[in-house]
């Protein structure tokens, strides 16, 4: 994780499939102010490519992406940190 990034909101979409993670992220970004950061947790295997595609069409930026396979409940969890543009 990039140090010194203040996370203003985290949403956990684990266990949901597309388009739910994208829809929840878009809705939550509407609640944030420009420059604030949203952390999204997702388990959908297509989440990484889906978020990249979505953000190409929106003024927001993907600041960081990571994938963890250390969860006991899920085989992998993708974490996205998005800065509202």
C-alpha atoms as a PDB file:
ATOM      1  CA  UNK A   1       0.000   0.000   0.000  1.00  0.00           C
ATOM      2  CA  UNK A   2       1.174   3.492  -0.789  1.00  0.00           C
ATOM      3  CA  UNK A   3       1.987   5.259   2.497  1.00  0.00           C
ATOM      4  CA  UNK A   4       0.191   8.427   3.558  1.00  0.00           C
ATOM      5  CA  UNK A   5      -2.988   7.829   1.572  1.00  0.00           C
ATOM      6  CA  UNK A   6      -5.992   8.615   3.697  1.00  0.00           C
ATOM      7  CA  UNK A   7      -8.847   6.245   2.947  1.00  0.00           C
ATOM      8  CA  UNK A   8     -12.137   8.101   3.326  1.00  0.00           C
ATOM      9  CA  UNK A   9     -14.468   5.156   2.696  1.00  0.00           C
ATOM     10  CA  UNK A  10     -14.153   1.394   2.267  1.00  0.00           C
ATOM     11  CA  UNK A  11     -16.728  -0.850   0.661  1.00  0.00           C
ATOM     12  CA  UNK A  12     -16.629  -4.621   0.794  1.00  0.00           C
ATOM     13  CA  UNK A  13     -18.163  -6.223  -2.290  1.00  0.00           C
ATOM     14  CA  UNK A  14     -16.689  -9.664  -1.606  1.00  0.00           C
ATOM     15  CA  UNK A  15     -18.974 -12.461  -2.693  1.00  0.00           C
ATOM     16  CA  UNK A  16     -20.756 -10.359  -5.328  1.00  0.00           C
ATOM     17  CA  UNK A  17     -20.370 -10.567  -9.091  1.00  0.00           C
ATOM     18  CA  UNK A  18     -20.289  -7.943 -11.822  1.00  0.00           C
ATOM     19  CA  UNK A  19     -21.889  -5.439 -12.062  1.00  0.00           C
ATOM     20  CA  UNK A  20     -22.458  -5.108  -8.285  1.00  0.00           C
ATOM     21  CA  UNK A  21     -18.865  -4.071  -7.350  1.00  0.00           C
ATOM     22  CA  UNK A  22     -18.857  -1.409 -10.073  1.00  0.00           C
ATOM     23  CA  UNK A  23     -22.295  -0.087  -9.196  1.00  0.00           C
ATOM     24  CA  UNK A  24     -21.496   0.129  -5.485  1.00  0.00           C
ATOM     25  CA  UNK A  25     -18.185   1.879  -6.220  1.00  0.00           C
ATOM     26  CA  UNK A  26     -19.831   4.427  -8.530  1.00  0.00           C
ATOM     27  CA  UNK A  27     -22.553   5.127  -5.954  1.00  0.00           C
ATOM     28  CA  UNK A  28     -20.030   5.558  -3.135  1.00  0.00           C
ATOM     29  CA  UNK A  29     -17.801   7.824  -5.235  1.00  0.00           C
ATOM     30  CA  UNK A  30     -20.782  10.169  -5.636  1.00  0.00           C
ATOM     31  CA  UNK A  31     -20.783  10.600  -1.840  1.00  0.00           C
ATOM     32  CA  UNK A  32     -17.082  11.566  -1.671  1.00  0.00           C
ATOM     33  CA  UNK A  33     -15.485  14.932  -2.346  1.00  0.00           C
ATOM     34  CA  UNK A  34     -12.996  15.475  -5.147  1.00  0.00           C
ATOM     35  CA  UNK A  35      -9.562  14.146  -4.142  1.00  0.00           C
ATOM     36  CA  UNK A  36     -10.885  11.728  -1.514  1.00  0.00           C
ATOM     37  CA  UNK A  37     -10.032   8.027  -1.665  1.00  0.00           C
ATOM     38  CA  UNK A  38     -12.263   4.973  -1.850  1.00  0.00           C
ATOM     39  CA  UNK A  39     -11.049   1.450  -1.055  1.00  0.00           C
ATOM     40  CA  UNK A  40     -12.992  -1.345  -2.751  1.00  0.00           C
ATOM     41  CA  UNK A  41     -12.611  -5.017  -1.798  1.00  0.00           C
ATOM     42  CA  UNK A  42     -13.783  -7.475  -4.456  1.00  0.00           C
ATOM     43  CA  UNK A  43     -13.652 -11.196  -5.175  1.00  0.00           C
ATOM     44  CA  UNK A  44     -15.149 -11.234  -8.668  1.00  0.00           C
ATOM     45  CA  UNK A  45     -12.438 -12.684 -10.967  1.00  0.00           C
ATOM     46  CA  UNK A  46     -13.190 -10.027 -13.596  1.00  0.00           C
ATOM     47  CA  UNK A  47     -13.059  -7.097 -11.138  1.00  0.00           C
ATOM     48  CA  UNK A  48      -9.585  -5.903 -12.157  1.00  0.00           C
ATOM     49  CA  UNK A  49     -10.410  -5.617 -15.851  1.00  0.00           C
ATOM     50  CA  UNK A  50     -13.909  -4.283 -15.091  1.00  0.00           C
ATOM     51  CA  UNK A  51     -12.585  -1.463 -12.886  1.00  0.00           C
ATOM     52  CA  UNK A  52      -9.886  -0.533 -15.415  1.00  0.00           C
ATOM     53  CA  UNK A  53     -12.521  -0.311 -18.145  1.00  0.00           C
ATOM     54  CA  UNK A  54     -14.922   1.706 -15.990  1.00  0.00           C
ATOM     55  CA  UNK A  55     -12.270   4.195 -14.895  1.00  0.00           C
ATOM     56  CA  UNK A  56     -11.241   4.909 -18.506  1.00  0.00           C
ATOM     57  CA  UNK A  57     -14.637   6.598 -18.897  1.00  0.00           C
ATOM     58  CA  UNK A  58     -14.779   8.461 -15.578  1.00  0.00           C
ATOM     59  CA  UNK A  59     -12.718  11.319 -14.107  1.00  0.00           C
ATOM     60  CA  UNK A  60     -11.459   9.124 -11.231  1.00  0.00           C
ATOM     61  CA  UNK A  61      -8.011   7.505 -10.941  1.00  0.00           C
ATOM     62  CA  UNK A  62      -6.936   4.061  -9.836  1.00  0.00           C
ATOM     63  CA  UNK A  63      -4.186   4.891  -7.348  1.00  0.00           C
ATOM     64  CA  UNK A  64      -3.358   1.361  -6.270  1.00  0.00           C
ATOM     65  CA  UNK A  65      -4.345  -2.210  -6.998  1.00  0.00           C
ATOM     66  CA  UNK A  66      -3.351  -5.290  -5.038  1.00  0.00           C
ATOM     67  CA  UNK A  67      -4.406  -8.918  -4.876  1.00  0.00           C
ATOM     68  CA  UNK A  68      -4.283 -11.013  -1.726  1.00  0.00           C
ATOM     69  CA  UNK A  69      -4.608 -14.781  -1.596  1.00  0.00           C
ATOM     70  CA  UNK A  70      -4.318 -14.984   2.190  1.00  0.00           C
ATOM     71  CA  UNK A  71      -8.049 -14.851   2.975  1.00  0.00           C
ATOM     72  CA  UNK A  72      -9.534 -17.869   4.708  1.00  0.00           C
ATOM     73  CA  UNK A  73     -12.989 -17.259   3.222  1.00  0.00           C
ATOM     74  CA  UNK A  74     -12.117 -16.401  -0.401  1.00  0.00           C
ATOM     75  CA  UNK A  75      -9.436 -17.704  -2.747  1.00  0.00           C
ATOM     76  CA  UNK A  76      -8.430 -14.115  -3.551  1.00  0.00           C
ATOM     77  CA  UNK A  77      -9.397 -10.572  -2.677  1.00  0.00           C
ATOM     78  CA  UNK A  78      -8.650  -7.670  -5.010  1.00  0.00           C
ATOM     79  CA  UNK A  79      -8.197  -4.263  -3.394  1.00  0.00           C
ATOM     80  CA  UNK A  80      -8.632  -1.069  -5.382  1.00  0.00           C
ATOM     81  CA  UNK A  81      -7.871   2.433  -4.140  1.00  0.00           C
ATOM     82  CA  UNK A  82      -9.586   5.051  -6.267  1.00  0.00           C
ATOM     83  CA  UNK A  83      -9.137   8.823  -6.027  1.00  0.00           C
ATOM     84  CA  UNK A  84     -12.251  10.756  -6.901  1.00  0.00           C
ATOM     85  CA  UNK A  85     -11.611  13.133  -9.781  1.00  0.00           C
END
